[in-house]
Amino acid sequence: MSVSRPSRGCLYLVPNLLGIVPPTAVLPQRTISIARVLEHFVVETPKAARQFIKMLEPPRPLQTISFRALDANAPPERLAELLSPALAGHDIGVLSDAGCPGIADPGARVVSAAHDAGVRVVPLVGPSAILLALMASGMNGQQFAFHGYLAVKPDARARDLKALDDALARTGATQIFIETPYRNDAIVAAVLTACRRSTRFCVAVDLTLPSEQVTSLTIGEWRRNPAPAISRRPAIFLLGQG
């Protein structure tokens, strides 16, 4: 007598909020409806994930929901373990600390493992700070590159910025990067020193929040005007054609 295997669950990619706002102000109802009933999550940081799911008012006690952390350097056997509920027929959610899973976080590794295991991957709609900043920048949205964090040391960071400015001049592709919020002022000062006067520089802070602010000017204009107060505020930085 053969025993039928359970059908596999789905891997839902659940976008998180970019800050403290009501979920219904940012997320569509389908995303909220799916996320609030999931019982298994693979997450960047369990504490942040629990706070987000609590805001969705799940129908079961929070302590009965599984939140398992995904390390950026997790070995293949750990990825298989994280996907085990889906192989047993249960749906899983992948959740970043902020924004969309797989974009500037380690979530892509579990998504790749899900494809290899034959688990259906379902991306849900929600905010991506990188795309929102690009949309609001007025820069080239047909060609762009995201570089994550630049070098921390001043000389290396200046070389990175010059390379991005040269790539922009050569290709016209918008160059996007991020920084730890407490170094925002330092990165702005470095951009104003390293890049061409004609290059357009956009700083997008607190996206989707009531304090949202997007400033897009040429480097020459930035140098003539007081810089906005962006210290310790989540920000996306873009270099584009003026």
C-alpha atoms as a PDB file:
ATOM      1  CA  MET A   1       0.000   0.000   0.000  1.00  0.00           C
ATOM      2  CA  SER A   2       1.481   3.354  -1.048  1.00  0.00           C
ATOM      3  CA  VAL A   3       1.332   6.388   1.191  1.00  0.00           C
ATOM      4  CA  SER A   4       0.621   9.674  -0.539  1.00  0.00           C
ATOM      5  CA  ARG A   5       3.044  12.489   0.157  1.00  0.00           C
ATOM      6  CA  PRO A   6       1.624  15.817   1.345  1.00  0.00           C
ATOM      7  CA  SER A   7       1.451  18.552  -1.263  1.00  0.00           C
ATOM      8  CA  ARG A   8       4.115  21.160  -0.777  1.00  0.00           C
ATOM      9  CA  GLY A   9       3.377  24.511   0.766  1.00  0.00           C
ATOM     10  CA  CYS A  10       4.208  27.871  -0.785  1.00  0.00           C
ATOM     11  CA  LEU A  11       7.013  30.231   0.116  1.00  0.00           C
ATOM     12  CA  TYR A  12       5.453  33.691   0.430  1.00  0.00           C
ATOM     13  CA  LEU A  13       7.752  36.708   0.219  1.00  0.00           C
ATOM     14  CA  VAL A  14       6.157  39.124   2.705  1.00  0.00           C
ATOM     15  CA  PRO A  15       7.158  42.813   2.492  1.00  0.00           C
ATOM     16  CA  ASN A  16       7.649  44.535   5.838  1.00  0.00           C
ATOM     17  CA  LEU A  17       7.004  48.169   6.735  1.00  0.00           C
ATOM     18  CA  LEU A  18       9.772  50.763   6.314  1.00  0.00           C
ATOM     19  CA  GLY A  19       8.955  52.329   9.682  1.00  0.00           C
ATOM     20  CA  ILE A  20       6.238  52.639  12.281  1.00  0.00           C
ATOM     21  CA  VAL A  21       3.023  53.245  10.355  1.00  0.00           C
ATOM     22  CA  PRO A  22      -0.318  51.402  10.297  1.00  0.00           C
ATOM     23  CA  PRO A  23       0.075  48.364   8.002  1.00  0.00           C
ATOM     24  CA  THR A  24      -3.090  49.292   6.107  1.00  0.00           C
ATOM     25  CA  ALA A  25      -1.491  52.639   5.149  1.00  0.00           C
ATOM     26  CA  VAL A  26       1.260  50.868   3.187  1.00  0.00           C
ATOM     27  CA  LEU A  27       0.354  47.233   2.507  1.00  0.00           C
ATOM     28  CA  PRO A  28      -2.465  45.934   0.266  1.00  0.00           C
ATOM     29  CA  GLN A  29      -5.140  43.793   1.869  1.00  0.00           C
ATOM     30  CA  ARG A  30      -4.012  40.595   0.113  1.00  0.00           C
ATOM     31  CA  THR A  31      -0.529  40.878   1.627  1.00  0.00           C
ATOM     32  CA  ILE A  32      -1.959  41.473   5.101  1.00  0.00           C
ATOM     33  CA  SER A  33      -4.521  38.671   4.785  1.00  0.00           C
ATOM     34  CA  ILE A  34      -1.900  36.095   3.784  1.00  0.00           C
ATOM     35  CA  ALA A  35       0.782  37.188   6.254  1.00  0.00           C
ATOM     36  CA  ARG A  36      -1.473  37.222   9.309  1.00  0.00           C
ATOM     37  CA  VAL A  37      -2.478  33.549   8.964  1.00  0.00           C
ATOM     38  CA  LEU A  38       0.952  32.043   8.275  1.00  0.00           C
ATOM     39  CA  GLU A  39       2.299  29.798  11.022  1.00  0.00           C
ATOM     40  CA  HIS A  40       5.916  29.535   9.845  1.00  0.00           C
ATOM     41  CA  PHE A  41       8.343  32.340   9.044  1.00  0.00           C
ATOM     42  CA  VAL A  42      11.962  32.569   7.940  1.00  0.00           C
ATOM     43  CA  VAL A  43      13.134  35.995   9.057  1.00  0.00           C
ATOM     44  CA  GLU A  44      16.074  38.367   9.141  1.00  0.00           C
ATOM     45  CA  THR A  45      15.595  39.221  12.843  1.00  0.00           C
ATOM     46  CA  PRO A  46      13.010  37.351  14.980  1.00  0.00           C
ATOM     47  CA  LYS A  47      12.279  40.301  17.294  1.00  0.00           C
ATOM     48  CA  ALA A  48      11.499  42.668  14.402  1.00  0.00           C
ATOM     49  CA  ALA A  49       9.425  39.975  12.704  1.00  0.00           C
ATOM     50  CA  ARG A  50       7.319  39.364  15.811  1.00  0.00           C
ATOM     51  CA  GLN A  51       6.645  43.086  16.173  1.00  0.00           C
ATOM     52  CA  PHE A  52       5.444  43.302  12.586  1.00  0.00           C
ATOM     53  CA  ILE A  53       3.205  40.228  12.741  1.00  0.00           C
ATOM     54  CA  LYS A  54       1.729  41.453  16.033  1.00  0.00           C
ATOM     55  CA  MET A  55       0.640  44.635  14.202  1.00  0.00           C
ATOM     56  CA  LEU A  56      -1.313  42.454  11.738  1.00  0.00           C
ATOM     57  CA  GLU A  57      -3.381  41.004  14.608  1.00  0.00           C
ATOM     58  CA  PRO A  58      -2.969  37.301  13.764  1.00  0.00           C
ATOM     59  CA  PRO A  59      -5.842  34.971  14.716  1.00  0.00           C
ATOM     60  CA  ARG A  60      -3.548  32.727  16.833  1.00  0.00           C
ATOM     61  CA  PRO A  61      -1.301  33.555  19.794  1.00  0.00           C
ATOM     62  CA  LEU A  62       2.036  35.003  18.683  1.00  0.00           C
ATOM     63  CA  GLN A  63       3.958  32.438  20.726  1.00  0.00           C
ATOM     64  CA  THR A  64       2.501  29.622  18.611  1.00  0.00           C
ATOM     65  CA  ILE A  65       3.974  31.073  15.392  1.00  0.00           C
ATOM     66  CA  SER A  66       7.440  29.851  14.380  1.00  0.00           C
ATOM     67  CA  PHE A  67      10.053  32.539  13.593  1.00  0.00           C
ATOM     68  CA  ARG A  68      13.361  31.052  12.446  1.00  0.00           C
ATOM     69  CA  ALA A  69      16.308  33.315  11.649  1.00  0.00           C
ATOM     70  CA  LEU A  70      18.175  33.121   8.359  1.00  0.00           C
ATOM     71  CA  ASP A  71      21.892  33.775   8.701  1.00  0.00           C
ATOM     72  CA  ALA A  72      23.586  35.321   5.667  1.00  0.00           C
ATOM     73  CA  ASN A  73      26.193  32.543   5.833  1.00  0.00           C
ATOM     74  CA  ALA A  74      23.812  29.646   6.516  1.00  0.00           C
ATOM     75  CA  PRO A  75      25.074  26.338   5.045  1.00  0.00           C
ATOM     76  CA  PRO A  76      22.879  24.406   2.562  1.00  0.00           C
ATOM     77  CA  GLU A  77      21.682  22.002   5.259  1.00  0.00           C
ATOM     78  CA  ARG A  78      20.342  24.939   7.288  1.00  0.00           C
ATOM     79  CA  LEU A  79      18.422  26.204   4.252  1.00  0.00           C
ATOM     80  CA  ALA A  80      16.891  22.750   3.811  1.00  0.00           C
ATOM     81  CA  GLU A  81      15.875  22.770   7.485  1.00  0.00           C
ATOM     82  CA  LEU A  82      14.228  26.182   7.118  1.00  0.00           C
ATOM     83  CA  LEU A  83      12.194  24.891   4.166  1.00  0.00           C
ATOM     84  CA  SER A  84      11.104  21.688   5.899  1.00  0.00           C
ATOM     85  CA  PRO A  85       7.594  22.976   6.808  1.00  0.00           C
ATOM     86  CA  ALA A  86       6.900  23.680   3.111  1.00  0.00           C
ATOM     87  CA  LEU A  87       8.065  20.190   2.167  1.00  0.00           C
ATOM     88  CA  ALA A  88       5.575  18.873   4.743  1.00  0.00           C
ATOM     89  CA  GLY A  89       2.719  20.847   3.170  1.00  0.00           C
ATOM     90  CA  HIS A  90       2.757  24.075   5.219  1.00  0.00           C
ATOM     91  CA  ASP A  91       3.061  27.588   3.822  1.00  0.00           C
ATOM     92  CA  ILE A  92       6.061  29.678   4.911  1.00  0.00           C
ATOM     93  CA  GLY A  93       6.604  33.435   4.929  1.00  0.00           C
ATOM     94  CA  VAL A  94       9.988  35.077   4.314  1.00  0.00           C
ATOM     95  CA  LEU A  95      10.270  38.383   6.144  1.00  0.00           C
ATOM     96  CA  SER A  96      12.944  41.100   6.115  1.00  0.00           C
ATOM     97  CA  ASP A  97      13.421  43.664   8.878  1.00  0.00           C
ATOM     98  CA  ALA A  98      12.142  46.316   6.436  1.00  0.00           C
ATOM     99  CA  GLY A  99      11.041  46.370   2.826  1.00  0.00           C
ATOM    100  CA  CYS A 100      10.935  43.451   0.407  1.00  0.00           C
ATOM    101  CA  PRO A 101      12.572  40.075   1.107  1.00  0.00           C
ATOM    102  CA  GLY A 102      15.499  39.207  -1.118  1.00  0.00           C
ATOM    103  CA  ILE A 103      16.325  42.863  -1.789  1.00  0.00           C
ATOM    104  CA  ALA A 104      19.412  43.956   0.201  1.00  0.00           C
ATOM    105  CA  ASP A 105      18.960  41.140   2.730  1.00  0.00           C
ATOM    106  CA  PRO A 106      19.829  37.409   2.890  1.00  0.00           C
ATOM    107  CA  GLY A 107      16.342  36.243   1.874  1.00  0.00           C
ATOM    108  CA  ALA A 108      17.405  35.471  -1.694  1.00  0.00           C
ATOM    109  CA  ARG A 109      19.293  32.386  -0.497  1.00  0.00           C
ATOM    110  CA  VAL A 110      16.213  30.677   0.902  1.00  0.00           C
ATOM    111  CA  VAL A 111      14.240  31.663  -2.210  1.00  0.00           C
ATOM    112  CA  SER A 112      16.871  30.039  -4.416  1.00  0.00           C
ATOM    113  CA  ALA A 113      16.796  26.919  -2.237  1.00  0.00           C
ATOM    114  CA  ALA A 114      12.990  26.830  -2.533  1.00  0.00           C
ATOM    115  CA  HIS A 115      13.197  26.837  -6.329  1.00  0.00           C
ATOM    116  CA  ASP A 116      15.711  23.996  -6.190  1.00  0.00           C
ATOM    117  CA  ALA A 117      13.375  22.024  -3.904  1.00  0.00           C
ATOM    118  CA  GLY A 118      10.335  22.531  -6.133  1.00  0.00           C
ATOM    119  CA  VAL A 119       8.566  24.820  -3.634  1.00  0.00           C
ATOM    120  CA  ARG A 120       6.344  27.445  -5.244  1.00  0.00           C
ATOM    121  CA  VAL A 121       7.568  30.999  -4.571  1.00  0.00           C
ATOM    122  CA  VAL A 122       4.926  33.757  -4.328  1.00  0.00           C
ATOM    123  CA  PRO A 123       6.053  37.420  -4.089  1.00  0.00           C
ATOM    124  CA  LEU A 124       3.584  39.694  -2.313  1.00  0.00           C
ATOM    125  CA  VAL A 125       3.161  43.411  -2.963  1.00  0.00           C
ATOM    126  CA  GLY A 126       4.668  45.933  -0.563  1.00  0.00           C
ATOM    127  CA  PRO A 127       7.185  48.763  -0.177  1.00  0.00           C
ATOM    128  CA  SER A 128      10.740  48.641  -1.513  1.00  0.00           C
ATOM    129  CA  ALA A 129      12.762  51.663  -0.374  1.00  0.00           C
ATOM    130  CA  ILE A 130      15.117  51.259  -3.338  1.00  0.00           C
ATOM    131  CA  LEU A 131      12.339  51.364  -5.944  1.00  0.00           C
ATOM    132  CA  LEU A 132      10.400  54.101  -4.161  1.00  0.00           C
ATOM    133  CA  ALA A 133      13.539  56.259  -4.065  1.00  0.00           C
ATOM    134  CA  LEU A 134      14.222  55.608  -7.751  1.00  0.00           C
ATOM    135  CA  MET A 135      10.634  56.484  -8.644  1.00  0.00           C
ATOM    136  CA  ALA A 136      10.843  59.778  -6.747  1.00  0.00           C
ATOM    137  CA  SER A 137      14.329  60.760  -7.918  1.00  0.00           C
ATOM    138  CA  GLY A 138      13.529  61.782 -11.480  1.00  0.00           C
ATOM    139  CA  MET A 139      16.504  59.704 -12.630  1.00  0.00           C
ATOM    140  CA  ASN A 140      16.884  56.961 -15.227  1.00  0.00           C
ATOM    141  CA  GLY A 141      14.551  54.133 -14.261  1.00  0.00           C
ATOM    142  CA  GLN A 142      15.321  52.086 -17.386  1.00  0.00           C
ATOM    143  CA  GLN A 143      18.926  51.415 -16.364  1.00  0.00           C
ATOM    144  CA  PHE A 144      20.080  51.376 -12.753  1.00  0.00           C
ATOM    145  CA  ALA A 145      22.408  49.513 -10.407  1.00  0.00           C
ATOM    146  CA  PHE A 146      22.186  48.967  -6.653  1.00  0.00           C
ATOM    147  CA  HIS A 147      25.522  48.730  -4.829  1.00  0.00           C
ATOM    148  CA  GLY A 148      24.518  48.233  -1.187  1.00  0.00           C
ATOM    149  CA  TYR A 149      26.970  49.784   1.275  1.00  0.00           C
ATOM    150  CA  LEU A 150      30.071  51.614   0.112  1.00  0.00           C
ATOM    151  CA  ALA A 151      33.449  51.465   1.850  1.00  0.00           C
ATOM    152  CA  VAL A 152      33.592  52.989   5.344  1.00  0.00           C
ATOM    153  CA  LYS A 153      37.119  54.410   5.325  1.00  0.00           C
ATOM    154  CA  PRO A 154      37.197  57.896   3.734  1.00  0.00           C
ATOM    155  CA  ASP A 155      39.808  57.210   1.032  1.00  0.00           C
ATOM    156  CA  ALA A 156      38.179  53.943  -0.064  1.00  0.00           C
ATOM    157  CA  ARG A 157      34.725  55.537   0.030  1.00  0.00           C
ATOM    158  CA  ALA A 158      35.936  58.402  -2.173  1.00  0.00           C
ATOM    159  CA  ARG A 159      37.265  55.858  -4.682  1.00  0.00           C
ATOM    160  CA  ASP A 160      33.925  54.036  -4.636  1.00  0.00           C
ATOM    161  CA  LEU A 161      32.024  57.260  -5.274  1.00  0.00           C
ATOM    162  CA  LYS A 162      34.309  58.305  -8.108  1.00  0.00           C
ATOM    163  CA  ALA A 163      33.821  54.864  -9.687  1.00  0.00           C
ATOM    164  CA  LEU A 164      30.025  55.241  -9.449  1.00  0.00           C
ATOM    165  CA  ASP A 165      30.187  58.758 -10.900  1.00  0.00           C
ATOM    166  CA  ASP A 166      32.353  57.484 -13.761  1.00  0.00           C
ATOM    167  CA  ALA A 167      29.932  54.586 -14.384  1.00  0.00           C
ATOM    168  CA  LEU A 168      27.055  57.069 -14.506  1.00  0.00           C
ATOM    169  CA  ALA A 169      28.889  59.291 -16.998  1.00  0.00           C
ATOM    170  CA  ARG A 170      29.811  56.281 -19.139  1.00  0.00           C
ATOM    171  CA  THR A 171      26.462  54.418 -19.169  1.00  0.00           C
ATOM    172  CA  GLY A 172      23.763  56.814 -17.976  1.00  0.00           C
ATOM    173  CA  ALA A 173      22.569  54.171 -15.501  1.00  0.00           C
ATOM    174  CA  THR A 174      21.398  55.482 -12.133  1.00  0.00           C
ATOM    175  CA  GLN A 175      23.701  54.420  -9.292  1.00  0.00           C
ATOM    176  CA  ILE A 176      21.974  53.566  -5.983  1.00  0.00           C
ATOM    177  CA  PHE A 177      23.531  52.887  -2.574  1.00  0.00           C
ATOM    178  CA  ILE A 178      22.740  52.922   1.140  1.00  0.00           C
ATOM    179  CA  GLU A 179      24.499  53.787   4.375  1.00  0.00           C
ATOM    180  CA  THR A 180      24.121  53.175   8.092  1.00  0.00           C
ATOM    181  CA  PRO A 181      21.902  56.081   9.282  1.00  0.00           C
ATOM    182  CA  TYR A 182      24.449  57.492  11.738  1.00  0.00           C
ATOM    183  CA  ARG A 183      26.884  57.970   8.812  1.00  0.00           C
ATOM    184  CA  ASN A 184      24.392  59.805   6.580  1.00  0.00           C
ATOM    185  CA  ASP A 185      26.029  63.199   7.004  1.00  0.00           C
ATOM    186  CA  ALA A 186      29.458  61.743   6.238  1.00  0.00           C
ATOM    187  CA  ILE A 187      28.256  60.098   3.024  1.00  0.00           C
ATOM    188  CA  VAL A 188      26.584  63.303   1.826  1.00  0.00           C
ATOM    189  CA  ALA A 189      29.787  65.276   2.464  1.00  0.00           C
ATOM    190  CA  ALA A 190      31.796  62.636   0.611  1.00  0.00           C
ATOM    191  CA  VAL A 191      29.453  62.730  -2.408  1.00  0.00           C
ATOM    192  CA  LEU A 192      29.660  66.514  -2.623  1.00  0.00           C
ATOM    193  CA  THR A 193      33.457  66.290  -2.639  1.00  0.00           C
ATOM    194  CA  ALA A 194      33.972  63.303  -4.965  1.00  0.00           C
ATOM    195  CA  CYS A 195      31.357  63.731  -7.704  1.00  0.00           C
ATOM    196  CA  ARG A 196      31.024  66.014 -10.712  1.00  0.00           C
ATOM    197  CA  ARG A 197      29.117  69.285 -10.309  1.00  0.00           C
ATOM    198  CA  SER A 198      26.718  68.248 -13.087  1.00  0.00           C
ATOM    199  CA  THR A 199      25.807  64.889 -11.500  1.00  0.00           C
ATOM    200  CA  ARG A 200      22.349  64.777  -9.938  1.00  0.00           C
ATOM    201  CA  PHE A 201      22.301  63.525  -6.342  1.00  0.00           C
ATOM    202  CA  CYS A 202      19.102  62.355  -4.673  1.00  0.00           C
ATOM    203  CA  VAL A 203      18.618  61.646  -0.966  1.00  0.00           C
ATOM    204  CA  ALA A 204      15.358  59.908  -0.026  1.00  0.00           C
ATOM    205  CA  VAL A 205      14.691  59.585   3.718  1.00  0.00           C
ATOM    206  CA  ASP A 206      11.884  58.132   5.853  1.00  0.00           C
ATOM    207  CA  LEU A 207      10.062  56.735   2.817  1.00  0.00           C
ATOM    208  CA  THR A 208       6.346  55.966   3.431  1.00  0.00           C
ATOM    209  CA  LEU A 209       6.492  57.763   6.813  1.00  0.00           C
ATOM    210  CA  PRO A 210       4.852  61.112   7.659  1.00  0.00           C
ATOM    211  CA  SER A 211       8.377  62.625   7.781  1.00  0.00           C
ATOM    212  CA  GLU A 212       9.231  61.426   4.262  1.00  0.00           C
ATOM    213  CA  GLN A 213      11.621  63.740   2.408  1.00  0.00           C
ATOM    214  CA  VAL A 214      13.087  63.413  -1.100  1.00  0.00           C
ATOM    215  CA  THR A 215      15.690  65.951  -2.308  1.00  0.00           C
ATOM    216  CA  SER A 216      17.055  65.667  -5.863  1.00  0.00           C
ATOM    217  CA  LEU A 217      19.528  68.339  -7.053  1.00  0.00           C
ATOM    218  CA  THR A 218      22.753  68.561  -8.996  1.00  0.00           C
ATOM    219  CA  ILE A 219      25.948  68.404  -6.959  1.00  0.00           C
ATOM    220  CA  GLY A 220      26.518  72.073  -7.762  1.00  0.00           C
ATOM    221  CA  GLU A 221      23.090  72.954  -6.327  1.00  0.00           C
ATOM    222  CA  TRP A 222      23.721  70.801  -3.244  1.00  0.00           C
ATOM    223  CA  ARG A 223      26.952  72.710  -2.600  1.00  0.00           C
ATOM    224  CA  ARG A 224      25.121  76.057  -2.706  1.00  0.00           C
ATOM    225  CA  ASN A 225      22.293  75.076  -0.349  1.00  0.00           C
ATOM    226  CA  PRO A 226      22.141  73.866   3.264  1.00  0.00           C
ATOM    227  CA  ALA A 227      21.983  70.079   3.450  1.00  0.00           C
ATOM    228  CA  PRO A 228      18.739  68.640   4.900  1.00  0.00           C
ATOM    229  CA  ALA A 229      18.809  67.204   8.416  1.00  0.00           C
ATOM    230  CA  ILE A 230      19.069  63.486   7.718  1.00  0.00           C
ATOM    231  CA  SER A 231      21.301  62.185  10.512  1.00  0.00           C
ATOM    232  CA  ARG A 232      20.096  58.841  11.906  1.00  0.00           C
ATOM    233  CA  ARG A 233      17.150  58.663   9.468  1.00  0.00           C
ATOM    234  CA  PRO A 234      16.800  55.672   7.077  1.00  0.00           C
ATOM    235  CA  ALA A 235      17.985  56.884   3.679  1.00  0.00           C
ATOM    236  CA  ILE A 236      18.582  55.814   0.092  1.00  0.00           C
ATOM    237  CA  PHE A 237      21.180  57.642  -2.020  1.00  0.00           C
ATOM    238  CA  LEU A 238      21.151  57.933  -5.822  1.00  0.00           C
ATOM    239  CA  LEU A 239      23.470  59.406  -8.441  1.00  0.00           C
ATOM    240  CA  GLY A 240      21.911  60.213 -11.808  1.00  0.00           C
ATOM    241  CA  GLN A 241      22.150  62.435 -14.829  1.00  0.00           C
ATOM    242  CA  GLY A 242      21.271  66.075 -14.274  1.00  0.00           C
END
